[in-house]
């Protein structure tokens, strides 16, 4: 008898973070298990649909800054779009909102 154990796919996208330099909850970063870290993309959009952050590195989170890396975004709601592939080869796409709390 051959027993095949498939990896469990879990993926969590926080709904808020507080990049206010208090040392807690400074970085927005999804996390989980059972996914292919080489097939990952995350984009953040402002309320006008302008992309303000993009990464394909699972260890590179958003710090609440504009693309210039200096200007902090205003407190508010931003859209997050994530593409990820599970270790089983299944593609996943998530569209969520994230609240920036200052």
PDB file of N, CA and C in Angstrom:
ATOM      1  N   UNK A   1       0.840  -1.163   0.000  1.00  0.00           N
ATOM      2  CA  UNK A   1       0.000   0.000   0.000  1.00  0.00           C
ATOM      3  C   UNK A   1       0.898   1.243   0.000  1.00  0.00           C
ATOM      4  N   UNK A   2       0.602   2.147  -0.871  1.00  0.00           N
ATOM      5  CA  UNK A   2       1.328   3.413  -0.969  1.00  0.00           C
ATOM      6  C   UNK A   2       0.444   4.519  -0.410  1.00  0.00           C
ATOM      7  N   UNK A   3       0.960   5.222   0.561  1.00  0.00           N
ATOM      8  CA  UNK A   3       0.221   6.332   1.156  1.00  0.00           C
ATOM      9  C   UNK A   3       0.865   7.631   0.696  1.00  0.00           C
ATOM     10  N   UNK A   4       0.087   8.476   0.046  1.00  0.00           N
ATOM     11  CA  UNK A   4       0.579   9.762  -0.440  1.00  0.00           C
ATOM     12  C   UNK A   4      -0.007  10.856   0.440  1.00  0.00           C
ATOM     13  N   UNK A   5       0.873  11.637   1.017  1.00  0.00           N
ATOM     14  CA  UNK A   5       0.425  12.739   1.867  1.00  0.00           C
ATOM     15  C   UNK A   5       0.650  14.045   1.122  1.00  0.00           C
ATOM     16  N   UNK A   6      -0.426  14.725   0.841  1.00  0.00           N
ATOM     17  CA  UNK A   6      -0.322  16.006   0.146  1.00  0.00           C
ATOM     18  C   UNK A   6      -0.055  17.113   1.168  1.00  0.00           C
ATOM     19  N   UNK A   7       0.779  18.069   0.785  1.00  0.00           N
ATOM     20  CA  UNK A   7       1.024  19.185   1.711  1.00  0.00           C
ATOM     21  C   UNK A   7      -0.244  20.009   1.909  1.00  0.00           C
ATOM     22  N   UNK A   8      -0.440  20.468   3.106  1.00  0.00           N
ATOM     23  CA  UNK A   8      -1.590  21.308   3.404  1.00  0.00           C
ATOM     24  C   UNK A   8      -1.302  22.727   2.947  1.00  0.00           C
ATOM     25  N   UNK A   9      -2.215  23.287   2.181  1.00  0.00           N
ATOM     26  CA  UNK A   9      -2.069  24.663   1.714  1.00  0.00           C
ATOM     27  C   UNK A   9      -2.816  25.585   2.669  1.00  0.00           C
ATOM     28  N   UNK A  10      -2.083  26.499   3.264  1.00  0.00           N
ATOM     29  CA  UNK A  10      -2.704  27.547   4.074  1.00  0.00           C
ATOM     30  C   UNK A  10      -2.098  28.870   3.642  1.00  0.00           C
ATOM     31  N   UNK A  11      -2.920  29.879   3.596  1.00  0.00           N
ATOM     32  CA  UNK A  11      -2.436  31.196   3.192  1.00  0.00           C
ATOM     33  C   UNK A  11      -3.261  32.238   3.923  1.00  0.00           C
ATOM     34  N   UNK A  12      -2.584  33.136   4.618  1.00  0.00           N
ATOM     35  CA  UNK A  12      -3.256  34.151   5.416  1.00  0.00           C
ATOM     36  C   UNK A  12      -2.781  35.531   4.997  1.00  0.00           C
ATOM     37  N   UNK A  13      -3.741  36.406   4.733  1.00  0.00           N
ATOM     38  CA  UNK A  13      -3.451  37.794   4.397  1.00  0.00           C
ATOM     39  C   UNK A  13      -4.022  38.656   5.516  1.00  0.00           C
ATOM     40  N   UNK A  14      -3.166  39.325   6.275  1.00  0.00           N
ATOM     41  CA  UNK A  14      -3.672  40.204   7.340  1.00  0.00           C
ATOM     42  C   UNK A  14      -4.578  41.291   6.763  1.00  0.00           C
ATOM     43  N   UNK A  15      -5.534  41.769   7.560  1.00  0.00           N
ATOM     44  CA  UNK A  15      -6.427  42.819   7.061  1.00  0.00           C
ATOM     45  C   UNK A  15      -6.019  44.208   7.533  1.00  0.00           C
ATOM     46  N   UNK A  16      -4.949  44.293   8.333  1.00  0.00           N
ATOM     47  CA  UNK A  16      -4.466  45.610   8.765  1.00  0.00           C
ATOM     48  C   UNK A  16      -3.033  45.496   9.271  1.00  0.00           C
ATOM     49  N   UNK A  17      -2.354  46.626   9.277  1.00  0.00           N
ATOM     50  CA  UNK A  17      -1.041  46.726   9.913  1.00  0.00           C
ATOM     51  C   UNK A  17      -0.796  48.180  10.261  1.00  0.00           C
ATOM     52  N   UNK A  18       0.198  48.411  11.115  1.00  0.00           N
ATOM     53  CA  UNK A  18       0.404  49.774  11.630  1.00  0.00           C
ATOM     54  C   UNK A  18       1.871  50.193  11.516  1.00  0.00           C
ATOM     55  N   UNK A  19       2.261  50.676  10.346  1.00  0.00           N
ATOM     56  CA  UNK A  19       3.648  51.110  10.154  1.00  0.00           C
ATOM     57  C   UNK A  19       3.892  52.477  10.793  1.00  0.00           C
ATOM     58  N   UNK A  20       3.917  52.507  12.121  1.00  0.00           N
ATOM     59  CA  UNK A  20       4.031  53.783  12.836  1.00  0.00           C
ATOM     60  C   UNK A  20       5.303  53.869  13.679  1.00  0.00           C
ATOM     61  N   UNK A  21       6.277  53.020  13.346  1.00  0.00           N
ATOM     62  CA  UNK A  21       7.596  53.033  13.992  1.00  0.00           C
ATOM     63  C   UNK A  21       7.570  52.738  15.490  1.00  0.00           C
ATOM     64  N   UNK A  22       6.594  51.937  15.937  1.00  0.00           N
ATOM     65  CA  UNK A  22       6.597  51.544  17.351  1.00  0.00           C
ATOM     66  C   UNK A  22       7.239  50.164  17.546  1.00  0.00           C
ATOM     67  N   UNK A  23       7.733  49.576  16.446  1.00  0.00           N
ATOM     68  CA  UNK A  23       8.406  48.285  16.530  1.00  0.00           C
ATOM     69  C   UNK A  23       7.486  47.083  16.480  1.00  0.00           C
ATOM     70  N   UNK A  24       6.180  47.300  16.352  1.00  0.00           N
ATOM     71  CA  UNK A  24       5.215  46.199  16.294  1.00  0.00           C
ATOM     72  C   UNK A  24       4.346  46.339  15.051  1.00  0.00           C
ATOM     73  N   UNK A  25       4.164  45.239  14.362  1.00  0.00           N
ATOM     74  CA  UNK A  25       3.250  45.199  13.220  1.00  0.00           C
ATOM     75  C   UNK A  25       3.616  46.241  12.164  1.00  0.00           C
ATOM     76  N   UNK A  26       4.907  46.371  11.872  1.00  0.00           N
ATOM     77  CA  UNK A  26       5.417  47.407  10.966  1.00  0.00           C
ATOM     78  C   UNK A  26       5.358  47.019   9.495  1.00  0.00           C
ATOM     79  N   UNK A  27       5.283  45.716   9.197  1.00  0.00           N
ATOM     80  CA  UNK A  27       5.400  45.237   7.830  1.00  0.00           C
ATOM     81  C   UNK A  27       4.162  44.432   7.448  1.00  0.00           C
ATOM     82  N   UNK A  28       3.637  44.687   6.254  1.00  0.00           N
ATOM     83  CA  UNK A  28       2.516  43.906   5.743  1.00  0.00           C
ATOM     84  C   UNK A  28       3.088  42.752   4.938  1.00  0.00           C
ATOM     85  N   UNK A  29       2.783  41.530   5.382  1.00  0.00           N
ATOM     86  CA  UNK A  29       3.354  40.364   4.736  1.00  0.00           C
ATOM     87  C   UNK A  29       2.439  39.158   4.922  1.00  0.00           C
ATOM     88  N   UNK A  30       1.874  38.622   3.820  1.00  0.00           N
ATOM     89  CA  UNK A  30       1.089  37.391   3.924  1.00  0.00           C
ATOM     90  C   UNK A  30       1.991  36.223   4.335  1.00  0.00           C
ATOM     91  N   UNK A  31       1.390  35.182   4.889  1.00  0.00           N
ATOM     92  CA  UNK A  31       2.173  34.014   5.272  1.00  0.00           C
ATOM     93  C   UNK A  31       1.317  32.764   5.204  1.00  0.00           C
ATOM     94  N   UNK A  32       1.976  31.617   5.240  1.00  0.00           N
ATOM     95  CA  UNK A  32       1.260  30.354   5.192  1.00  0.00           C
ATOM     96  C   UNK A  32       2.211  29.195   4.987  1.00  0.00           C
ATOM     97  N   UNK A  33       1.645  28.053   4.580  1.00  0.00           N
ATOM     98  CA  UNK A  33       2.430  26.843   4.348  1.00  0.00           C
ATOM     99  C   UNK A  33       1.914  26.143   3.103  1.00  0.00           C
ATOM    100  N   UNK A  34       2.753  25.288   2.540  1.00  0.00           N
ATOM    101  CA  UNK A  34       2.330  24.459   1.416  1.00  0.00           C
ATOM    102  C   UNK A  34       2.271  25.181   0.090  1.00  0.00           C
ATOM    103  N   UNK A  35       3.060  26.252  -0.064  1.00  0.00           N
ATOM    104  CA  UNK A  35       3.061  26.956  -1.338  1.00  0.00           C
ATOM    105  C   UNK A  35       4.471  27.130  -1.865  1.00  0.00           C
ATOM    106  N   UNK A  36       4.544  27.323  -3.165  1.00  0.00           N
ATOM    107  CA  UNK A  36       5.808  27.432  -3.882  1.00  0.00           C
ATOM    108  C   UNK A  36       6.295  28.875  -3.812  1.00  0.00           C
ATOM    109  N   UNK A  37       7.341  29.108  -3.046  1.00  0.00           N
ATOM    110  CA  UNK A  37       7.830  30.479  -2.851  1.00  0.00           C
ATOM    111  C   UNK A  37       8.447  31.071  -4.118  1.00  0.00           C
ATOM    112  N   UNK A  38       8.709  30.237  -5.123  1.00  0.00           N
ATOM    113  CA  UNK A  38       9.235  30.747  -6.397  1.00  0.00           C
ATOM    114  C   UNK A  38       8.123  31.212  -7.329  1.00  0.00           C
ATOM    115  N   UNK A  39       6.883  30.943  -6.982  1.00  0.00           N
ATOM    116  CA  UNK A  39       5.734  31.353  -7.798  1.00  0.00           C
ATOM    117  C   UNK A  39       4.799  32.199  -6.949  1.00  0.00           C
ATOM    118  N   UNK A  40       5.237  33.412  -6.668  1.00  0.00           N
ATOM    119  CA  UNK A  40       4.520  34.317  -5.774  1.00  0.00           C
ATOM    120  C   UNK A  40       4.621  35.730  -6.326  1.00  0.00           C
ATOM    121  N   UNK A  41       3.532  36.454  -6.246  1.00  0.00           N
ATOM    122  CA  UNK A  41       3.527  37.863  -6.635  1.00  0.00           C
ATOM    123  C   UNK A  41       2.493  38.590  -5.781  1.00  0.00           C
ATOM    124  N   UNK A  42       2.887  39.749  -5.256  1.00  0.00           N
ATOM    125  CA  UNK A  42       1.955  40.565  -4.473  1.00  0.00           C
ATOM    126  C   UNK A  42       2.026  42.001  -4.977  1.00  0.00           C
ATOM    127  N   UNK A  43       0.859  42.609  -5.132  1.00  0.00           N
ATOM    128  CA  UNK A  43       0.766  44.009  -5.539  1.00  0.00           C
ATOM    129  C   UNK A  43      -0.196  44.745  -4.617  1.00  0.00           C
ATOM    130  N   UNK A  44       0.141  45.994  -4.322  1.00  0.00           N
ATOM    131  CA  UNK A  44      -0.698  46.854  -3.492  1.00  0.00           C
ATOM    132  C   UNK A  44      -1.126  48.035  -4.349  1.00  0.00           C
ATOM    133  N   UNK A  45      -2.426  48.382  -4.270  1.00  0.00           N
ATOM    134  CA  UNK A  45      -2.981  49.485  -5.055  1.00  0.00           C
ATOM    135  C   UNK A  45      -3.648  50.498  -4.129  1.00  0.00           C
ATOM    136  N   UNK A  46      -3.570  51.764  -4.514  1.00  0.00           N
ATOM    137  CA  UNK A  46      -4.283  52.791  -3.748  1.00  0.00           C
ATOM    138  C   UNK A  46      -5.730  52.867  -4.230  1.00  0.00           C
ATOM    139  N   UNK A  47      -6.498  53.783  -3.670  1.00  0.00           N
ATOM    140  CA  UNK A  47      -7.935  53.855  -3.995  1.00  0.00           C
ATOM    141  C   UNK A  47      -8.217  54.265  -5.433  1.00  0.00           C
ATOM    142  N   UNK A  48      -7.216  54.805  -6.131  1.00  0.00           N
ATOM    143  CA  UNK A  48      -7.381  55.197  -7.530  1.00  0.00           C
ATOM    144  C   UNK A  48      -6.896  54.113  -8.479  1.00  0.00           C
ATOM    145  N   UNK A  49      -6.523  52.964  -7.931  1.00  0.00           N
ATOM    146  CA  UNK A  49      -6.083  51.846  -8.754  1.00  0.00           C
ATOM    147  C   UNK A  49      -4.630  51.916  -9.190  1.00  0.00           C
ATOM    148  N   UNK A  50      -3.873  52.845  -8.628  1.00  0.00           N
ATOM    149  CA  UNK A  50      -2.456  52.964  -8.966  1.00  0.00           C
ATOM    150  C   UNK A  50      -1.652  51.964  -8.133  1.00  0.00           C
ATOM    151  N   UNK A  51      -0.789  51.207  -8.803  1.00  0.00           N
ATOM    152  CA  UNK A  51       0.039  50.258  -8.075  1.00  0.00           C
ATOM    153  C   UNK A  51       1.118  51.029  -7.313  1.00  0.00           C
ATOM    154  N   UNK A  52       1.180  50.805  -5.999  1.00  0.00           N
ATOM    155  CA  UNK A  52       2.163  51.523  -5.186  1.00  0.00           C
ATOM    156  C   UNK A  52       3.216  50.594  -4.585  1.00  0.00           C
ATOM    157  N   UNK A  53       3.032  49.274  -4.749  1.00  0.00           N
ATOM    158  CA  UNK A  53       4.029  48.321  -4.263  1.00  0.00           C
ATOM    159  C   UNK A  53       3.879  47.021  -5.032  1.00  0.00           C
ATOM    160  N   UNK A  54       5.005  46.392  -5.325  1.00  0.00           N
ATOM    161  CA  UNK A  54       4.995  45.106  -6.014  1.00  0.00           C
ATOM    162  C   UNK A  54       6.220  44.304  -5.590  1.00  0.00           C
ATOM    163  N   UNK A  55       6.034  42.999  -5.415  1.00  0.00           N
ATOM    164  CA  UNK A  55       7.156  42.122  -5.088  1.00  0.00           C
ATOM    165  C   UNK A  55       6.870  40.703  -5.558  1.00  0.00           C
ATOM    166  N   UNK A  56       7.942  39.975  -5.830  1.00  0.00           N
ATOM    167  CA  UNK A  56       7.853  38.536  -6.089  1.00  0.00           C
ATOM    168  C   UNK A  56       8.671  37.771  -5.050  1.00  0.00           C
ATOM    169  N   UNK A  57       9.141  38.466  -4.040  1.00  0.00           N
ATOM    170  CA  UNK A  57       9.933  37.879  -2.958  1.00  0.00           C
ATOM    171  C   UNK A  57       9.037  37.703  -1.731  1.00  0.00           C
ATOM    172  N   UNK A  58       8.819  36.466  -1.306  1.00  0.00           N
ATOM    173  CA  UNK A  58       7.923  36.198  -0.176  1.00  0.00           C
ATOM    174  C   UNK A  58       8.425  36.798   1.134  1.00  0.00           C
ATOM    175  N   UNK A  59       9.689  37.152   1.191  1.00  0.00           N
ATOM    176  CA  UNK A  59      10.264  37.742   2.400  1.00  0.00           C
ATOM    177  C   UNK A  59      10.300  39.262   2.368  1.00  0.00           C
ATOM    178  N   UNK A  60       9.819  39.852   1.285  1.00  0.00           N
ATOM    179  CA  UNK A  60       9.836  41.309   1.133  1.00  0.00           C
ATOM    180  C   UNK A  60       8.411  41.842   1.311  1.00  0.00           C
ATOM    181  N   UNK A  61       8.121  42.354   2.481  1.00  0.00           N
ATOM    182  CA  UNK A  61       6.795  42.895   2.761  1.00  0.00           C
ATOM    183  C   UNK A  61       6.715  44.380   2.453  1.00  0.00           C
ATOM    184  N   UNK A  62       5.514  44.903   2.564  1.00  0.00           N
ATOM    185  CA  UNK A  62       5.263  46.328   2.323  1.00  0.00           C
ATOM    186  C   UNK A  62       5.372  47.075   3.639  1.00  0.00           C
ATOM    187  N   UNK A  63       6.129  48.161   3.634  1.00  0.00           N
ATOM    188  CA  UNK A  63       6.341  48.954   4.849  1.00  0.00           C
ATOM    189  C   UNK A  63       5.440  50.184   4.933  1.00  0.00           C
ATOM    190  N   UNK A  64       4.447  50.276   4.048  1.00  0.00           N
ATOM    191  CA  UNK A  64       3.514  51.401   4.093  1.00  0.00           C
ATOM    192  C   UNK A  64       4.044  52.663   3.443  1.00  0.00           C
ATOM    193  N   UNK A  65       5.010  52.499   2.551  1.00  0.00           N
ATOM    194  CA  UNK A  65       5.576  53.664   1.862  1.00  0.00           C
ATOM    195  C   UNK A  65       5.199  53.650   0.386  1.00  0.00           C
ATOM    196  N   UNK A  66       5.265  54.825  -0.206  1.00  0.00           N
ATOM    197  CA  UNK A  66       5.027  54.988  -1.636  1.00  0.00           C
ATOM    198  C   UNK A  66       6.212  54.389  -2.402  1.00  0.00           C
ATOM    199  N   UNK A  67       6.091  54.278  -3.735  1.00  0.00           N
ATOM    200  CA  UNK A  67       7.186  53.694  -4.523  1.00  0.00           C
ATOM    201  C   UNK A  67       8.531  54.406  -4.374  1.00  0.00           C
ATOM    202  N   UNK A  68       8.530  55.670  -3.965  1.00  0.00           N
ATOM    203  CA  UNK A  68       9.809  56.374  -3.788  1.00  0.00           C
ATOM    204  C   UNK A  68      10.586  55.861  -2.578  1.00  0.00           C
ATOM    205  N   UNK A  69       9.932  55.038  -1.731  1.00  0.00           N
ATOM    206  CA  UNK A  69      10.592  54.465  -0.570  1.00  0.00           C
ATOM    207  C   UNK A  69      10.744  55.408   0.602  1.00  0.00           C
ATOM    208  N   UNK A  70      10.267  56.637   0.455  1.00  0.00           N
ATOM    209  CA  UNK A  70      10.418  57.649   1.500  1.00  0.00           C
ATOM    210  C   UNK A  70       9.065  58.108   2.033  1.00  0.00           C
ATOM    211  N   UNK A  71       8.172  58.463   1.128  1.00  0.00           N
ATOM    212  CA  UNK A  71       6.875  59.019   1.495  1.00  0.00           C
ATOM    213  C   UNK A  71       5.967  57.942   2.077  1.00  0.00           C
ATOM    214  N   UNK A  72       5.446  58.190   3.277  1.00  0.00           N
ATOM    215  CA  UNK A  72       4.521  57.253   3.899  1.00  0.00           C
ATOM    216  C   UNK A  72       3.126  57.449   3.319  1.00  0.00           C
ATOM    217  N   UNK A  73       2.415  56.339   3.088  1.00  0.00           N
ATOM    218  CA  UNK A  73       1.040  56.449   2.607  1.00  0.00           C
ATOM    219  C   UNK A  73       0.164  56.943   3.748  1.00  0.00           C
ATOM    220  N   UNK A  74      -0.966  57.512   3.384  1.00  0.00           N
ATOM    221  CA  UNK A  74      -1.912  57.975   4.392  1.00  0.00           C
ATOM    222  C   UNK A  74      -2.625  56.783   5.022  1.00  0.00           C
ATOM    223  N   UNK A  75      -3.109  56.990   6.230  1.00  0.00           N
ATOM    224  CA  UNK A  75      -3.948  55.984   6.861  1.00  0.00           C
ATOM    225  C   UNK A  75      -5.156  55.771   5.965  1.00  0.00           C
ATOM    226  N   UNK A  76      -5.565  54.525   5.789  1.00  0.00           N
ATOM    227  CA  UNK A  76      -6.710  54.235   4.941  1.00  0.00           C
ATOM    228  C   UNK A  76      -6.708  52.798   4.479  1.00  0.00           C
ATOM    229  N   UNK A  77      -7.533  52.535   3.468  1.00  0.00           N
ATOM    230  CA  UNK A  77      -7.714  51.182   2.946  1.00  0.00           C
ATOM    231  C   UNK A  77      -7.042  51.070   1.582  1.00  0.00           C
ATOM    232  N   UNK A  78      -6.307  49.985   1.387  1.00  0.00           N
ATOM    233  CA  UNK A  78      -5.586  49.719   0.146  1.00  0.00           C
ATOM    234  C   UNK A  78      -5.955  48.326  -0.339  1.00  0.00           C
ATOM    235  N   UNK A  79      -5.885  48.118  -1.645  1.00  0.00           N
ATOM    236  CA  UNK A  79      -6.199  46.810  -2.227  1.00  0.00           C
ATOM    237  C   UNK A  79      -4.931  45.983  -2.368  1.00  0.00           C
ATOM    238  N   UNK A  80      -5.073  44.701  -2.094  1.00  0.00           N
ATOM    239  CA  UNK A  80      -3.962  43.755  -2.198  1.00  0.00           C
ATOM    240  C   UNK A  80      -4.361  42.673  -3.187  1.00  0.00           C
ATOM    241  N   UNK A  81      -3.470  42.366  -4.110  1.00  0.00           N
ATOM    242  CA  UNK A  81      -3.702  41.265  -5.043  1.00  0.00           C
ATOM    243  C   UNK A  81      -2.495  40.336  -4.961  1.00  0.00           C
ATOM    244  N   UNK A  82      -2.760  39.061  -4.682  1.00  0.00           N
ATOM    245  CA  UNK A  82      -1.689  38.078  -4.524  1.00  0.00           C
ATOM    246  C   UNK A  82      -1.950  36.898  -5.451  1.00  0.00           C
ATOM    247  N   UNK A  83      -0.892  36.484  -6.145  1.00  0.00           N
ATOM    248  CA  UNK A  83      -0.913  35.263  -6.935  1.00  0.00           C
ATOM    249  C   UNK A  83       0.098  34.317  -6.315  1.00  0.00           C
ATOM    250  N   UNK A  84      -0.319  33.073  -6.117  1.00  0.00           N
ATOM    251  CA  UNK A  84       0.569  32.080  -5.498  1.00  0.00           C
ATOM    252  C   UNK A  84       0.223  30.699  -6.045  1.00  0.00           C
ATOM    253  N   UNK A  85       1.219  29.841  -6.080  1.00  0.00           N
ATOM    254  CA  UNK A  85       0.996  28.465  -6.533  1.00  0.00           C
ATOM    255  C   UNK A  85       1.235  27.528  -5.361  1.00  0.00           C
ATOM    256  N   UNK A  86       0.286  26.638  -5.135  1.00  0.00           N
ATOM    257  CA  UNK A  86       0.445  25.633  -4.093  1.00  0.00           C
ATOM    258  C   UNK A  86       1.452  24.577  -4.515  1.00  0.00           C
ATOM    259  N   UNK A  87       1.981  23.843  -3.552  1.00  0.00           N
ATOM    260  CA  UNK A  87       2.928  22.772  -3.874  1.00  0.00           C
ATOM    261  C   UNK A  87       2.279  21.668  -4.698  1.00  0.00           C
ATOM    262  N   UNK A  88       0.952  21.633  -4.718  1.00  0.00           N
ATOM    263  CA  UNK A  88       0.228  20.671  -5.546  1.00  0.00           C
ATOM    264  C   UNK A  88       0.073  21.151  -6.984  1.00  0.00           C
ATOM    265  N   UNK A  89       0.608  22.357  -7.289  1.00  0.00           N
ATOM    266  CA  UNK A  89       0.542  22.912  -8.635  1.00  0.00           C
ATOM    267  C   UNK A  89      -0.670  23.779  -8.897  1.00  0.00           C
ATOM    268  N   UNK A  90      -1.583  23.869  -7.956  1.00  0.00           N
ATOM    269  CA  UNK A  90      -2.794  24.662  -8.141  1.00  0.00           C
ATOM    270  C   UNK A  90      -2.494  26.147  -7.943  1.00  0.00           C
ATOM    271  N   UNK A  91      -2.990  26.966  -8.883  1.00  0.00           N
ATOM    272  CA  UNK A  91      -2.834  28.417  -8.789  1.00  0.00           C
ATOM    273  C   UNK A  91      -3.911  29.003  -7.889  1.00  0.00           C
ATOM    274  N   UNK A  92      -3.529  30.023  -7.129  1.00  0.00           N
ATOM    275  CA  UNK A  92      -4.454  30.724  -6.247  1.00  0.00           C
ATOM    276  C   UNK A  92      -4.306  32.221  -6.487  1.00  0.00           C
ATOM    277  N   UNK A  93      -5.428  32.919  -6.495  1.00  0.00           N
ATOM    278  CA  UNK A  93      -5.416  34.377  -6.620  1.00  0.00           C
ATOM    279  C   UNK A  93      -6.306  34.947  -5.521  1.00  0.00           C
ATOM    280  N   UNK A  94      -5.788  35.937  -4.827  1.00  0.00           N
ATOM    281  CA  UNK A  94      -6.526  36.568  -3.734  1.00  0.00           C
ATOM    282  C   UNK A  94      -6.576  38.069  -3.960  1.00  0.00           C
ATOM    283  N   UNK A  95      -7.736  38.641  -3.743  1.00  0.00           N
ATOM    284  CA  UNK A  95      -7.899  40.093  -3.764  1.00  0.00           C
ATOM    285  C   UNK A  95      -8.527  40.467  -2.432  1.00  0.00           C
ATOM    286  N   UNK A  96      -7.828  41.290  -1.683  1.00  0.00           N
ATOM    287  CA  UNK A  96      -8.268  41.666  -0.344  1.00  0.00           C
ATOM    288  C   UNK A  96      -8.039  43.150  -0.114  1.00  0.00           C
ATOM    289  N   UNK A  97      -8.543  43.623   1.008  1.00  0.00           N
ATOM    290  CA  UNK A  97      -8.302  44.998   1.451  1.00  0.00           C
ATOM    291  C   UNK A  97      -7.402  44.951   2.674  1.00  0.00           C
ATOM    292  N   UNK A  98      -6.501  45.918   2.771  1.00  0.00           N
ATOM    293  CA  UNK A  98      -5.657  46.044   3.956  1.00  0.00           C
ATOM    294  C   UNK A  98      -5.811  47.465   4.485  1.00  0.00           C
ATOM    295  N   UNK A  99      -5.983  47.571   5.783  1.00  0.00           N
ATOM    296  CA  UNK A  99      -6.117  48.869   6.444  1.00  0.00           C
ATOM    297  C   UNK A  99      -4.758  49.289   6.988  1.00  0.00           C
ATOM    298  N   UNK A 100      -4.317  50.477   6.598  1.00  0.00           N
ATOM    299  CA  UNK A 100      -3.096  51.053   7.161  1.00  0.00           C
ATOM    300  C   UNK A 100      -3.530  51.933   8.323  1.00  0.00           C
ATOM    301  N   UNK A 101      -3.034  51.607   9.509  1.00  0.00           N
ATOM    302  CA  UNK A 101      -3.405  52.331  10.726  1.00  0.00           C
ATOM    303  C   UNK A 101      -2.159  53.029  11.253  1.00  0.00           C
ATOM    304  N   UNK A 102      -2.244  54.324  11.388  1.00  0.00           N
ATOM    305  CA  UNK A 102      -1.080  55.096  11.876  1.00  0.00           C
ATOM    306  C   UNK A 102      -1.339  55.607  13.271  1.00  0.00           C
TER     307      UNK A 102
END
